[in-house]
Amino acid sequence: DMGVDDPFEAEDNVQGGTRYLRAMYERFGDWEHALAAYNAGPGAVERFGGIPPYAETRQYVERVLHYYRRYDGDFSR
C-alpha cells in the first residue's frame, strides 16, 4: 500500500514509513493519534478512542514528541 518494493532496502523502507505516517496524520488529524496509530495500528486507536493503554505505545508517542519539540528548530538546517 505504501509503494515499497523492497522493505529491506533502506530508502524504500524510509519512504514507505514516511508515507504511512503521513496517512495516519491525515486520518487522525493530530500527531499524538498519528504516532499511536503508526506504532499500535489505526484499529487500536479507533478501538480505544485515542492512544491505546499499551505502555510501549504511550512511551513511543511521548518519546517522539519530546524529540520533535526539542529539535524542531534544528530541522531547518
Protein backbone atom coordinates (compact mmCIF):
# COMPACT_ATOMS: atom_id res chain seq x y z
CA ASP A 1 0.00 0.00 0.00
CA MET A 2 2.88 2.38 0.67
CA GLY A 3 4.73 1.68 -2.58
CA VAL A 4 7.62 -0.21 -1.02
CA ASP A 5 9.23 -2.62 -3.47
CA ASP A 6 11.88 -3.97 -1.11
CA PRO A 7 11.35 -3.38 2.64
CA PHE A 8 14.96 -4.38 3.27
CA GLU A 9 16.21 -1.54 1.05
CA ALA A 10 16.77 1.41 3.40
CA GLU A 11 15.48 4.11 1.05
CA ASP A 12 12.31 2.17 0.21
CA ASN A 13 11.72 1.47 3.89
CA VAL A 14 12.11 5.12 4.93
CA GLN A 15 9.92 6.35 2.06
CA GLY A 16 7.19 3.83 2.92
CA GLY A 17 7.34 4.67 6.62
CA THR A 18 7.10 8.36 5.81
CA ARG A 19 4.06 7.81 3.59
CA TYR A 20 2.42 5.67 6.28
CA LEU A 21 2.99 8.29 8.99
CA ARG A 22 1.52 10.95 6.71
CA ALA A 23 -1.50 8.74 6.05
CA MET A 24 -2.01 8.29 9.80
CA TYR A 25 -1.75 12.06 10.33
CA GLU A 26 -4.29 12.71 7.58
CA ARG A 27 -6.60 10.08 9.05
CA PHE A 28 -6.46 11.23 12.68
CA GLY A 29 -5.61 14.92 12.32
CA ASP A 30 -3.08 15.26 15.15
CA TRP A 31 0.39 13.97 15.91
CA GLU A 32 -0.41 12.10 19.14
CA HIS A 33 -3.01 9.91 17.47
CA ALA A 34 -0.99 9.59 14.26
CA LEU A 35 2.06 8.37 16.17
CA ALA A 36 -0.04 5.99 18.26
CA ALA A 37 -1.56 4.58 15.06
CA TYR A 38 1.89 4.28 13.49
CA ASN A 39 3.05 2.27 16.49
CA ALA A 40 -0.03 0.26 17.51
CA GLY A 41 -2.12 0.39 14.36
CA PRO A 42 -5.06 2.58 13.44
CA GLY A 43 -7.57 -0.02 14.64
CA ALA A 44 -6.22 0.19 18.18
CA VAL A 45 -6.50 3.99 18.21
CA GLU A 46 -10.09 3.76 16.97
CA ARG A 47 -10.98 0.94 19.36
CA PHE A 48 -9.74 2.86 22.40
CA GLY A 49 -10.89 6.27 21.17
CA GLY A 50 -7.36 7.65 21.46
CA ILE A 51 -3.91 6.47 22.45
CA PRO A 52 -4.19 2.79 23.43
CA PRO A 53 -3.28 1.86 27.00
CA TYR A 54 -0.20 -0.03 25.83
CA ALA A 55 2.93 1.02 27.72
CA GLU A 56 5.09 0.69 24.59
CA THR A 57 2.77 2.91 22.53
CA ARG A 58 2.41 5.56 25.23
CA GLN A 59 6.19 5.69 25.69
CA TYR A 60 6.73 5.83 21.93
CA VAL A 61 4.36 8.77 21.47
CA GLU A 62 5.88 10.61 24.44
CA ARG A 63 9.46 9.98 23.26
CA VAL A 64 8.88 11.02 19.64
CA LEU A 65 7.03 14.20 20.64
CA HIS A 66 9.76 15.02 23.16
CA TYR A 67 12.45 14.80 20.47
CA TYR A 68 10.32 16.67 17.98
CA ARG A 69 9.76 19.56 20.40
CA ARG A 70 13.41 19.57 21.44
CA TYR A 71 14.87 19.59 17.93
CA ASP A 72 12.10 21.24 15.91
CA GLY A 73 14.15 24.38 15.28
CA ASP A 74 17.10 22.28 14.08
CA PHE A 75 15.20 20.66 11.22
CA SER A 76 15.53 23.72 9.03
CA ARG A 77 19.30 23.20 8.75
